[in-house]
């Protein structure tokens, strides 16, 4: 079955594995969620509910944070404005 995912529409049975491959991302697994939770205390509800399901370079970001290096985080994508206001 075909599917469509745009910033405005999600139709059909989405193949999330194909999406992560197409965009060169990795799935957010339980190990990564635990690593995030170690630093944040409680996971953001978008992470808990698996609304955010993949990432790019999040392991690198956490590695740098754990070394004490500072960074700026500006999410990209159609949810970025909502995410910034929710945190």
PDB file of N, CA and C in Angstrom:
ATOM      1  N   UNK A   1       0.844  -1.191   0.000  1.00  0.00           N
ATOM      2  CA  UNK A   1       0.000   0.000   0.000  1.00  0.00           C
ATOM      3  C   UNK A   1       0.882   1.245   0.000  1.00  0.00           C
ATOM      4  N   UNK A   2       0.489   2.230  -0.714  1.00  0.00           N
ATOM      5  CA  UNK A   2       1.250   3.468  -0.760  1.00  0.00           C
ATOM      6  C   UNK A   2       0.834   4.370   0.392  1.00  0.00           C
ATOM      7  N   UNK A   3       1.706   5.303   0.672  1.00  0.00           N
ATOM      8  CA  UNK A   3       1.426   6.269   1.731  1.00  0.00           C
ATOM      9  C   UNK A   3       1.965   7.624   1.322  1.00  0.00           C
ATOM     10  N   UNK A   4       1.517   8.641   2.035  1.00  0.00           N
ATOM     11  CA  UNK A   4       1.957  10.010   1.779  1.00  0.00           C
ATOM     12  C   UNK A   4       2.216  10.681   3.119  1.00  0.00           C
ATOM     13  N   UNK A   5       3.379  11.297   3.233  1.00  0.00           N
ATOM     14  CA  UNK A   5       3.719  12.062   4.432  1.00  0.00           C
ATOM     15  C   UNK A   5       4.234  13.418   3.978  1.00  0.00           C
ATOM     16  N   UNK A   6       3.535  14.469   4.356  1.00  0.00           N
ATOM     17  CA  UNK A   6       3.960  15.841   4.091  1.00  0.00           C
ATOM     18  C   UNK A   6       3.843  16.609   5.403  1.00  0.00           C
ATOM     19  N   UNK A   7       4.307  17.848   5.444  1.00  0.00           N
ATOM     20  CA  UNK A   7       4.115  18.636   6.673  1.00  0.00           C
ATOM     21  C   UNK A   7       2.645  18.826   7.041  1.00  0.00           C
ATOM     22  N   UNK A   8       1.744  18.625   6.090  1.00  0.00           N
ATOM     23  CA  UNK A   8       0.330  18.897   6.324  1.00  0.00           C
ATOM     24  C   UNK A   8      -0.541  17.650   6.354  1.00  0.00           C
ATOM     25  N   UNK A   9      -0.059  16.551   5.801  1.00  0.00           N
ATOM     26  CA  UNK A   9      -0.901  15.371   5.619  1.00  0.00           C
ATOM     27  C   UNK A   9      -0.131  14.086   5.895  1.00  0.00           C
ATOM     28  N   UNK A  10      -0.802  13.139   6.501  1.00  0.00           N
ATOM     29  CA  UNK A  10      -0.300  11.767   6.607  1.00  0.00           C
ATOM     30  C   UNK A  10      -1.435  10.860   6.158  1.00  0.00           C
ATOM     31  N   UNK A  11      -1.183  10.115   5.083  1.00  0.00           N
ATOM     32  CA  UNK A  11      -2.208   9.227   4.530  1.00  0.00           C
ATOM     33  C   UNK A  11      -1.622   7.838   4.323  1.00  0.00           C
ATOM     34  N   UNK A  12      -2.454   6.839   4.551  1.00  0.00           N
ATOM     35  CA  UNK A  12      -2.056   5.465   4.280  1.00  0.00           C
ATOM     36  C   UNK A  12      -1.317   4.830   5.437  1.00  0.00           C
ATOM     37  N   UNK A  13      -0.786   3.650   5.184  1.00  0.00           N
ATOM     38  CA  UNK A  13      -0.025   2.893   6.169  1.00  0.00           C
ATOM     39  C   UNK A  13       1.447   3.268   6.021  1.00  0.00           C
ATOM     40  N   UNK A  14       1.937   4.141   6.888  1.00  0.00           N
ATOM     41  CA  UNK A  14       3.276   4.721   6.755  1.00  0.00           C
ATOM     42  C   UNK A  14       4.345   3.675   7.054  1.00  0.00           C
ATOM     43  N   UNK A  15       5.325   3.587   6.176  1.00  0.00           N
ATOM     44  CA  UNK A  15       6.485   2.715   6.370  1.00  0.00           C
ATOM     45  C   UNK A  15       7.593   3.567   6.998  1.00  0.00           C
ATOM     46  N   UNK A  16       7.660   3.556   8.324  1.00  0.00           N
ATOM     47  CA  UNK A  16       8.619   4.395   9.035  1.00  0.00           C
ATOM     48  C   UNK A  16      10.059   3.962   8.780  1.00  0.00           C
ATOM     49  N   UNK A  17      10.285   2.677   8.536  1.00  0.00           N
ATOM     50  CA  UNK A  17      11.633   2.221   8.190  1.00  0.00           C
ATOM     51  C   UNK A  17      12.086   2.858   6.877  1.00  0.00           C
ATOM     52  N   UNK A  18      11.185   2.918   5.898  1.00  0.00           N
ATOM     53  CA  UNK A  18      11.517   3.538   4.609  1.00  0.00           C
ATOM     54  C   UNK A  18      11.774   5.034   4.777  1.00  0.00           C
ATOM     55  N   UNK A  19      11.002   5.689   5.642  1.00  0.00           N
ATOM     56  CA  UNK A  19      11.217   7.124   5.876  1.00  0.00           C
ATOM     57  C   UNK A  19      12.583   7.390   6.501  1.00  0.00           C
ATOM     58  N   UNK A  20      12.955   6.581   7.501  1.00  0.00           N
ATOM     59  CA  UNK A  20      14.260   6.799   8.132  1.00  0.00           C
ATOM     60  C   UNK A  20      15.385   6.543   7.137  1.00  0.00           C
ATOM     61  N   UNK A  21      15.226   5.553   6.283  1.00  0.00           N
ATOM     62  CA  UNK A  21      16.242   5.294   5.266  1.00  0.00           C
ATOM     63  C   UNK A  21      16.304   6.439   4.256  1.00  0.00           C
ATOM     64  N   UNK A  22      15.154   6.900   3.806  1.00  0.00           N
ATOM     65  CA  UNK A  22      15.094   7.979   2.809  1.00  0.00           C
ATOM     66  C   UNK A  22      15.768   9.254   3.312  1.00  0.00           C
ATOM     67  N   UNK A  23      15.548   9.589   4.587  1.00  0.00           N
ATOM     68  CA  UNK A  23      16.077  10.841   5.125  1.00  0.00           C
ATOM     69  C   UNK A  23      17.386  10.672   5.888  1.00  0.00           C
ATOM     70  N   UNK A  24      17.922   9.454   5.939  1.00  0.00           N
ATOM     71  CA  UNK A  24      19.216   9.228   6.575  1.00  0.00           C
ATOM     72  C   UNK A  24      19.192   9.426   8.081  1.00  0.00           C
ATOM     73  N   UNK A  25      18.093   9.040   8.719  1.00  0.00           N
ATOM     74  CA  UNK A  25      17.982   9.181  10.170  1.00  0.00           C
ATOM     75  C   UNK A  25      18.036   7.804  10.823  1.00  0.00           C
ATOM     76  N   UNK A  26      18.131   7.812  12.146  1.00  0.00           N
ATOM     77  CA  UNK A  26      18.090   6.575  12.918  1.00  0.00           C
ATOM     78  C   UNK A  26      16.875   6.635  13.837  1.00  0.00           C
ATOM     79  N   UNK A  27      16.293   5.470  14.102  1.00  0.00           N
ATOM     80  CA  UNK A  27      15.153   5.431  15.013  1.00  0.00           C
ATOM     81  C   UNK A  27      15.601   5.737  16.439  1.00  0.00           C
ATOM     82  N   UNK A  28      14.728   6.383  17.181  1.00  0.00           N
ATOM     83  CA  UNK A  28      14.975   6.638  18.598  1.00  0.00           C
ATOM     84  C   UNK A  28      14.556   5.373  19.344  1.00  0.00           C
ATOM     85  N   UNK A  29      15.556   4.647  19.868  1.00  0.00           N
ATOM     86  CA  UNK A  29      15.259   3.396  20.558  1.00  0.00           C
ATOM     87  C   UNK A  29      15.222   3.607  22.073  1.00  0.00           C
ATOM     88  N   UNK A  30      14.917   2.538  22.799  1.00  0.00           N
ATOM     89  CA  UNK A  30      14.789   2.625  24.260  1.00  0.00           C
ATOM     90  C   UNK A  30      16.101   3.035  24.924  1.00  0.00           C
ATOM     91  N   UNK A  31      17.242   2.575  24.393  1.00  0.00           N
ATOM     92  CA  UNK A  31      18.540   2.964  24.961  1.00  0.00           C
ATOM     93  C   UNK A  31      18.750   4.468  24.864  1.00  0.00           C
ATOM     94  N   UNK A  32      18.410   5.039  23.724  1.00  0.00           N
ATOM     95  CA  UNK A  32      18.562   6.480  23.544  1.00  0.00           C
ATOM     96  C   UNK A  32      17.589   7.241  24.440  1.00  0.00           C
ATOM     97  N   UNK A  33      16.365   6.744  24.575  1.00  0.00           N
ATOM     98  CA  UNK A  33      15.399   7.390  25.470  1.00  0.00           C
ATOM     99  C   UNK A  33      15.904   7.385  26.913  1.00  0.00           C
ATOM    100  N   UNK A  34      16.491   6.286  27.344  1.00  0.00           N
ATOM    101  CA  UNK A  34      17.044   6.216  28.705  1.00  0.00           C
ATOM    102  C   UNK A  34      18.207   7.186  28.867  1.00  0.00           C
ATOM    103  N   UNK A  35      19.016   7.305  27.848  1.00  0.00           N
ATOM    104  CA  UNK A  35      20.146   8.243  27.895  1.00  0.00           C
ATOM    105  C   UNK A  35      19.653   9.683  28.004  1.00  0.00           C
ATOM    106  N   UNK A  36      18.619  10.025  27.261  1.00  0.00           N
ATOM    107  CA  UNK A  36      18.029  11.366  27.335  1.00  0.00           C
ATOM    108  C   UNK A  36      17.436  11.587  28.719  1.00  0.00           C
ATOM    109  N   UNK A  37      16.695  10.596  29.192  1.00  0.00           N
ATOM    110  CA  UNK A  37      16.030  10.699  30.494  1.00  0.00           C
ATOM    111  C   UNK A  37      17.037  10.897  31.626  1.00  0.00           C
ATOM    112  N   UNK A  38      18.213  10.322  31.486  1.00  0.00           N
ATOM    113  CA  UNK A  38      19.271  10.483  32.489  1.00  0.00           C
ATOM    114  C   UNK A  38      19.608  11.961  32.697  1.00  0.00           C
ATOM    115  N   UNK A  39      19.498  12.744  31.640  1.00  0.00           N
ATOM    116  CA  UNK A  39      19.859  14.165  31.710  1.00  0.00           C
ATOM    117  C   UNK A  39      18.661  15.081  31.926  1.00  0.00           C
ATOM    118  N   UNK A  40      17.483  14.642  31.542  1.00  0.00           N
ATOM    119  CA  UNK A  40      16.311  15.524  31.618  1.00  0.00           C
ATOM    120  C   UNK A  40      15.383  15.199  32.782  1.00  0.00           C
ATOM    121  N   UNK A  41      15.544  14.025  33.374  1.00  0.00           N
ATOM    122  CA  UNK A  41      14.654  13.621  34.456  1.00  0.00           C
ATOM    123  C   UNK A  41      13.399  12.964  33.931  1.00  0.00           C
ATOM    124  N   UNK A  42      12.632  13.673  33.151  1.00  0.00           N
ATOM    125  CA  UNK A  42      11.418  13.122  32.553  1.00  0.00           C
ATOM    126  C   UNK A  42      11.464  13.394  31.057  1.00  0.00           C
ATOM    127  N   UNK A  43      11.028  12.431  30.288  1.00  0.00           N
ATOM    128  CA  UNK A  43      11.020  12.609  28.838  1.00  0.00           C
ATOM    129  C   UNK A  43       9.902  13.551  28.416  1.00  0.00           C
ATOM    130  N   UNK A  44      10.184  14.356  27.401  1.00  0.00           N
ATOM    131  CA  UNK A  44       9.158  15.197  26.795  1.00  0.00           C
ATOM    132  C   UNK A  44       8.048  14.285  26.272  1.00  0.00           C
ATOM    133  N   UNK A  45       6.811  14.743  26.354  1.00  0.00           N
ATOM    134  CA  UNK A  45       5.692  13.888  25.949  1.00  0.00           C
ATOM    135  C   UNK A  45       5.735  13.500  24.468  1.00  0.00           C
ATOM    136  N   UNK A  46       6.375  14.295  23.626  1.00  0.00           N
ATOM    137  CA  UNK A  46       6.516  13.912  22.221  1.00  0.00           C
ATOM    138  C   UNK A  46       7.435  12.699  22.085  1.00  0.00           C
ATOM    139  N   UNK A  47       8.440  12.602  22.969  1.00  0.00           N
ATOM    140  CA  UNK A  47       9.310  11.428  22.967  1.00  0.00           C
ATOM    141  C   UNK A  47       8.605  10.228  23.593  1.00  0.00           C
ATOM    142  N   UNK A  48       7.935  10.439  24.714  1.00  0.00           N
ATOM    143  CA  UNK A  48       7.220   9.339  25.384  1.00  0.00           C
ATOM    144  C   UNK A  48       6.173   8.713  24.472  1.00  0.00           C
ATOM    145  N   UNK A  49       5.465   9.544  23.730  1.00  0.00           N
ATOM    146  CA  UNK A  49       4.375   9.066  22.870  1.00  0.00           C
ATOM    147  C   UNK A  49       4.860   8.664  21.476  1.00  0.00           C
ATOM    148  N   UNK A  50       6.180   8.739  21.262  1.00  0.00           N
ATOM    149  CA  UNK A  50       6.817   8.342  19.999  1.00  0.00           C
ATOM    150  C   UNK A  50       6.359   9.184  18.810  1.00  0.00           C
ATOM    151  N   UNK A  51       5.981  10.439  19.089  1.00  0.00           N
ATOM    152  CA  UNK A  51       5.697  11.382  18.007  1.00  0.00           C
ATOM    153  C   UNK A  51       7.010  11.710  17.306  1.00  0.00           C
ATOM    154  N   UNK A  52       8.073  11.913  18.096  1.00  0.00           N
ATOM    155  CA  UNK A  52       9.424  11.998  17.536  1.00  0.00           C
ATOM    156  C   UNK A  52       9.956  10.572  17.520  1.00  0.00           C
ATOM    157  N   UNK A  53      10.179  10.016  16.342  1.00  0.00           N
ATOM    158  CA  UNK A  53      10.555   8.609  16.249  1.00  0.00           C
ATOM    159  C   UNK A  53      11.942   8.390  15.661  1.00  0.00           C
ATOM    160  N   UNK A  54      12.556   9.442  15.098  1.00  0.00           N
ATOM    161  CA  UNK A  54      13.894   9.270  14.536  1.00  0.00           C
ATOM    162  C   UNK A  54      14.708  10.539  14.769  1.00  0.00           C
ATOM    163  N   UNK A  55      16.001  10.406  14.531  1.00  0.00           N
ATOM    164  CA  UNK A  55      16.904  11.525  14.799  1.00  0.00           C
ATOM    165  C   UNK A  55      18.088  11.472  13.848  1.00  0.00           C
ATOM    166  N   UNK A  56      18.819  12.559  13.862  1.00  0.00           N
ATOM    167  CA  UNK A  56      20.084  12.634  13.143  1.00  0.00           C
ATOM    168  C   UNK A  56      21.080  13.298  14.081  1.00  0.00           C
ATOM    169  N   UNK A  57      22.139  12.581  14.436  1.00  0.00           N
ATOM    170  CA  UNK A  57      23.240  13.093  15.263  1.00  0.00           C
ATOM    171  C   UNK A  57      22.876  13.313  16.726  1.00  0.00           C
ATOM    172  N   UNK A  58      21.806  12.721  17.229  1.00  0.00           N
ATOM    173  CA  UNK A  58      21.459  12.896  18.639  1.00  0.00           C
ATOM    174  C   UNK A  58      22.481  12.223  19.549  1.00  0.00           C
ATOM    175  N   UNK A  59      23.041  11.093  19.128  1.00  0.00           N
ATOM    176  CA  UNK A  59      24.101  10.462  19.921  1.00  0.00           C
ATOM    177  C   UNK A  59      25.311  11.380  20.036  1.00  0.00           C
ATOM    178  N   UNK A  60      25.684  12.033  18.937  1.00  0.00           N
ATOM    179  CA  UNK A  60      26.802  12.981  18.956  1.00  0.00           C
ATOM    180  C   UNK A  60      26.509  14.129  19.918  1.00  0.00           C
ATOM    181  N   UNK A  61      25.289  14.661  19.867  1.00  0.00           N
ATOM    182  CA  UNK A  61      24.906  15.761  20.747  1.00  0.00           C
ATOM    183  C   UNK A  61      25.017  15.339  22.210  1.00  0.00           C
ATOM    184  N   UNK A  62      24.523  14.162  22.542  1.00  0.00           N
ATOM    185  CA  UNK A  62      24.604  13.678  23.920  1.00  0.00           C
ATOM    186  C   UNK A  62      26.048  13.415  24.336  1.00  0.00           C
ATOM    187  N   UNK A  63      26.865  12.895  23.424  1.00  0.00           N
ATOM    188  CA  UNK A  63      28.292  12.700  23.723  1.00  0.00           C
ATOM    189  C   UNK A  63      28.942  14.026  24.094  1.00  0.00           C
ATOM    190  N   UNK A  64      28.693  15.054  23.303  1.00  0.00           N
ATOM    191  CA  UNK A  64      29.280  16.370  23.562  1.00  0.00           C
ATOM    192  C   UNK A  64      28.761  16.956  24.874  1.00  0.00           C
ATOM    193  N   UNK A  65      27.484  16.808  25.141  1.00  0.00           N
ATOM    194  CA  UNK A  65      26.895  17.303  26.383  1.00  0.00           C
ATOM    195  C   UNK A  65      27.538  16.616  27.585  1.00  0.00           C
ATOM    196  N   UNK A  66      27.736  15.311  27.482  1.00  0.00           N
ATOM    197  CA  UNK A  66      28.340  14.560  28.580  1.00  0.00           C
ATOM    198  C   UNK A  66      29.801  14.925  28.791  1.00  0.00           C
ATOM    199  N   UNK A  67      30.464  15.443  27.770  1.00  0.00           N
ATOM    200  CA  UNK A  67      31.842  15.936  27.906  1.00  0.00           C
ATOM    201  C   UNK A  67      31.881  17.337  28.501  1.00  0.00           C
ATOM    202  N   UNK A  68      30.719  17.960  28.656  1.00  0.00           N
ATOM    203  CA  UNK A  68      30.649  19.316  29.196  1.00  0.00           C
ATOM    204  C   UNK A  68      30.692  20.399  28.146  1.00  0.00           C
ATOM    205  N   UNK A  69      30.646  20.031  26.883  1.00  0.00           N
ATOM    206  CA  UNK A  69      30.648  21.018  25.805  1.00  0.00           C
ATOM    207  C   UNK A  69      29.256  21.619  25.649  1.00  0.00           C
ATOM    208  N   UNK A  70      29.214  22.914  25.410  1.00  0.00           N
ATOM    209  CA  UNK A  70      27.938  23.612  25.255  1.00  0.00           C
ATOM    210  C   UNK A  70      27.481  23.557  23.799  1.00  0.00           C
ATOM    211  N   UNK A  71      26.180  23.690  23.601  1.00  0.00           N
ATOM    212  CA  UNK A  71      25.628  23.646  22.251  1.00  0.00           C
ATOM    213  C   UNK A  71      24.317  24.410  22.218  1.00  0.00           C
ATOM    214  N   UNK A  72      23.866  24.706  21.010  1.00  0.00           N
ATOM    215  CA  UNK A  72      22.542  25.277  20.777  1.00  0.00           C
ATOM    216  C   UNK A  72      21.732  24.238  20.026  1.00  0.00           C
ATOM    217  N   UNK A  73      20.481  24.106  20.385  1.00  0.00           N
ATOM    218  CA  UNK A  73      19.607  23.128  19.752  1.00  0.00           C
ATOM    219  C   UNK A  73      18.423  23.853  19.136  1.00  0.00           C
ATOM    220  N   UNK A  74      18.327  23.790  17.812  1.00  0.00           N
ATOM    221  CA  UNK A  74      17.200  24.389  17.108  1.00  0.00           C
ATOM    222  C   UNK A  74      16.588  23.289  16.245  1.00  0.00           C
ATOM    223  N   UNK A  75      15.432  22.740  16.651  1.00  0.00           N
ATOM    224  CA  UNK A  75      14.829  21.658  15.875  1.00  0.00           C
ATOM    225  C   UNK A  75      14.371  22.141  14.503  1.00  0.00           C
ATOM    226  N   UNK A  76      14.435  21.244  13.547  1.00  0.00           N
ATOM    227  CA  UNK A  76      13.990  21.537  12.187  1.00  0.00           C
ATOM    228  C   UNK A  76      12.736  20.739  11.884  1.00  0.00           C
ATOM    229  N   UNK A  77      11.942  21.244  10.999  1.00  0.00           N
ATOM    230  CA  UNK A  77      10.752  20.524  10.578  1.00  0.00           C
ATOM    231  C   UNK A  77       9.489  21.268  10.935  1.00  0.00           C
ATOM    232  N   UNK A  78       8.379  20.719  10.520  1.00  0.00           N
ATOM    233  CA  UNK A  78       7.113  21.428  10.680  1.00  0.00           C
ATOM    234  C   UNK A  78       6.623  21.467  12.119  1.00  0.00           C
ATOM    235  N   UNK A  79       7.183  20.667  13.013  1.00  0.00           N
ATOM    236  CA  UNK A  79       6.772  20.712  14.417  1.00  0.00           C
ATOM    237  C   UNK A  79       7.655  21.630  15.256  1.00  0.00           C
ATOM    238  N   UNK A  80       8.683  22.221  14.656  1.00  0.00           N
ATOM    239  CA  UNK A  80       9.666  22.955  15.452  1.00  0.00           C
ATOM    240  C   UNK A  80       9.046  24.101  16.243  1.00  0.00           C
ATOM    241  N   UNK A  81       8.130  24.845  15.649  1.00  0.00           N
ATOM    242  CA  UNK A  81       7.546  25.969  16.367  1.00  0.00           C
ATOM    243  C   UNK A  81       6.750  25.472  17.570  1.00  0.00           C
ATOM    244  N   UNK A  82       6.000  24.424  17.385  1.00  0.00           N
ATOM    245  CA  UNK A  82       5.205  23.849  18.475  1.00  0.00           C
ATOM    246  C   UNK A  82       6.124  23.298  19.567  1.00  0.00           C
ATOM    247  N   UNK A  83       7.179  22.616  19.175  1.00  0.00           N
ATOM    248  CA  UNK A  83       8.095  22.014  20.144  1.00  0.00           C
ATOM    249  C   UNK A  83       8.743  23.079  21.011  1.00  0.00           C
ATOM    250  N   UNK A  84       9.199  24.165  20.406  1.00  0.00           N
ATOM    251  CA  UNK A  84       9.862  25.225  21.166  1.00  0.00           C
ATOM    252  C   UNK A  84       8.913  25.812  22.196  1.00  0.00           C
ATOM    253  N   UNK A  85       7.652  26.002  21.844  1.00  0.00           N
ATOM    254  CA  UNK A  85       6.696  26.562  22.802  1.00  0.00           C
ATOM    255  C   UNK A  85       6.322  25.564  23.883  1.00  0.00           C
ATOM    256  N   UNK A  86       6.401  24.269  23.592  1.00  0.00           N
ATOM    257  CA  UNK A  86       6.051  23.251  24.581  1.00  0.00           C
ATOM    258  C   UNK A  86       7.141  23.020  25.618  1.00  0.00           C
ATOM    259  N   UNK A  87       8.380  23.376  25.300  1.00  0.00           N
ATOM    260  CA  UNK A  87       9.436  23.118  26.275  1.00  0.00           C
ATOM    261  C   UNK A  87       9.580  24.299  27.144  1.00  0.00           C
TER     262      UNK A  87
END
